[in-house]
Amino acid sequence: MTTHVNLIDERWRPHTDIVGERLDDAYVLADLKSNQIYELNTTGMRLWQLLSDGADYATIRDRLLDEFDVAADALEADIARLAGELADAGLIVRVNDAAPPA
């Protein structure tokens, strides 16, 4: 079961142990503690970048709607699913739960 991530009422950001790099059309994330590697597609990469920038849900939703040819309800479902998967993997954390950046 995927974690429910409430991006509407809560702020989330990448965990400080995660680094990312763009490789062609994909974005690769590496967990520096576990050495686990993850790959995001273009939409996932933009979500990651926006979370890294501290964007709130409305900004994330609006920017992705502007940048991708997708219906709002489908995008909202994709955001919720991907955010849950990122949280389950420990790649993102609630801002109020997060340790300060090193």
Protein backbone atom coordinates (compact mmCIF):
# COMPACT_ATOMS: atom_id res chain seq x y z
CA MET A 1 0.00 0.00 0.00
CA THR A 2 1.36 3.39 -0.99
CA THR A 3 1.64 6.12 1.62
CA HIS A 4 -0.90 8.91 1.31
CA VAL A 5 1.02 12.14 0.84
CA ASN A 6 -1.04 15.25 1.44
CA LEU A 7 0.69 17.79 -0.77
CA ILE A 8 -2.27 20.14 -0.51
CA ASP A 9 -2.00 20.82 3.23
CA GLU A 10 1.58 19.76 3.94
CA ARG A 11 4.94 20.72 2.50
CA TRP A 12 7.28 17.94 1.39
CA ARG A 13 10.86 18.10 0.20
CA PRO A 14 13.57 15.71 -0.91
CA HIS A 15 15.42 13.95 1.89
CA THR A 16 18.89 15.39 2.45
CA ASP A 17 20.51 11.99 1.75
CA ILE A 18 19.18 11.96 -1.83
CA VAL A 19 21.02 13.40 -4.82
CA GLY A 20 19.75 13.57 -8.38
CA GLU A 21 21.15 13.95 -11.86
CA ARG A 22 19.52 14.26 -15.26
CA LEU A 23 20.56 11.63 -17.80
CA ASP A 24 19.00 12.17 -21.22
CA ASP A 25 15.20 11.95 -20.77
CA ALA A 26 15.38 10.41 -17.31
CA TYR A 27 16.34 11.66 -13.88
CA VAL A 28 18.33 9.38 -11.61
CA LEU A 29 18.11 9.64 -7.83
CA ALA A 30 20.70 8.06 -5.54
CA ASP A 31 20.22 7.42 -1.84
CA LEU A 32 23.64 8.13 -0.34
CA LYS A 33 22.96 6.01 2.77
CA SER A 34 21.61 2.87 1.12
CA ASN A 35 23.25 3.26 -2.33
CA GLN A 36 19.82 2.56 -3.83
CA ILE A 37 19.22 4.05 -7.29
CA TYR A 38 15.85 5.28 -8.59
CA GLU A 39 14.83 6.55 -12.01
CA LEU A 40 12.15 9.15 -12.71
CA ASN A 41 10.55 9.94 -16.04
CA THR A 42 10.19 13.52 -17.29
CA THR A 43 7.05 14.23 -15.26
CA GLY A 44 8.60 12.73 -12.14
CA MET A 45 11.72 14.80 -12.69
CA ARG A 46 9.68 18.02 -12.81
CA LEU A 47 7.80 17.04 -9.64
CA TRP A 48 11.15 16.38 -7.95
CA GLN A 49 12.56 19.73 -9.12
CA LEU A 50 9.49 21.61 -7.91
CA LEU A 51 9.59 19.88 -4.52
CA SER A 52 13.30 20.71 -4.33
CA ASP A 53 12.45 24.36 -4.98
CA GLY A 54 9.95 24.33 -2.10
CA ALA A 55 6.89 24.71 -4.33
CA ASP A 56 3.46 24.24 -2.80
CA TYR A 57 0.81 21.94 -4.29
CA ALA A 58 -0.97 24.67 -6.27
CA THR A 59 2.29 25.74 -7.89
CA ILE A 60 3.28 22.14 -8.67
CA ARG A 61 -0.13 21.37 -10.17
CA ASP A 62 -0.30 24.56 -12.23
CA ARG A 63 3.24 24.27 -13.58
CA LEU A 64 2.80 20.62 -14.56
CA LEU A 65 -0.53 21.42 -16.25
CA ASP A 66 1.23 24.17 -18.23
CA GLU A 67 4.18 21.97 -19.19
CA PHE A 68 2.46 18.66 -20.03
CA ASP A 69 -0.50 17.73 -22.19
CA VAL A 70 -2.59 16.02 -19.51
CA ALA A 71 -6.05 16.39 -18.00
CA ALA A 72 -6.16 17.95 -14.53
CA ASP A 73 -7.77 14.92 -12.84
CA ALA A 74 -5.24 12.52 -14.37
CA LEU A 75 -2.36 14.78 -13.34
CA GLU A 76 -3.64 15.08 -9.78
CA ALA A 77 -3.87 11.29 -9.52
CA ASP A 78 -0.34 10.92 -10.93
CA ILE A 79 1.04 13.50 -8.49
CA ALA A 80 -0.58 11.70 -5.54
CA ARG A 81 0.67 8.28 -6.69
CA LEU A 82 4.23 9.40 -7.37
CA ALA A 83 4.46 11.43 -4.15
CA GLY A 84 3.30 8.35 -2.22
CA GLU A 85 5.91 6.17 -3.92
CA LEU A 86 8.65 8.73 -3.20
CA ALA A 87 7.58 8.89 0.45
CA ASP A 88 7.46 5.09 0.75
CA ALA A 89 11.03 4.91 -0.55
CA GLY A 90 12.14 7.59 1.93
CA LEU A 91 13.07 9.95 -0.88
CA ILE A 92 10.83 12.79 0.32
CA VAL A 93 9.92 13.88 3.83
CA ARG A 94 7.43 16.30 5.37
CA VAL A 95 9.12 19.64 5.87
CA ASN A 96 8.11 19.77 9.54
CA ASP A 97 9.46 16.20 10.07
CA ALA A 98 12.72 16.73 8.23
CA ALA A 99 16.09 17.17 9.77
CA PRO A 100 17.68 20.47 8.78
CA PRO A 101 19.86 20.28 5.68
CA ALA A 102 23.51 19.52 6.41
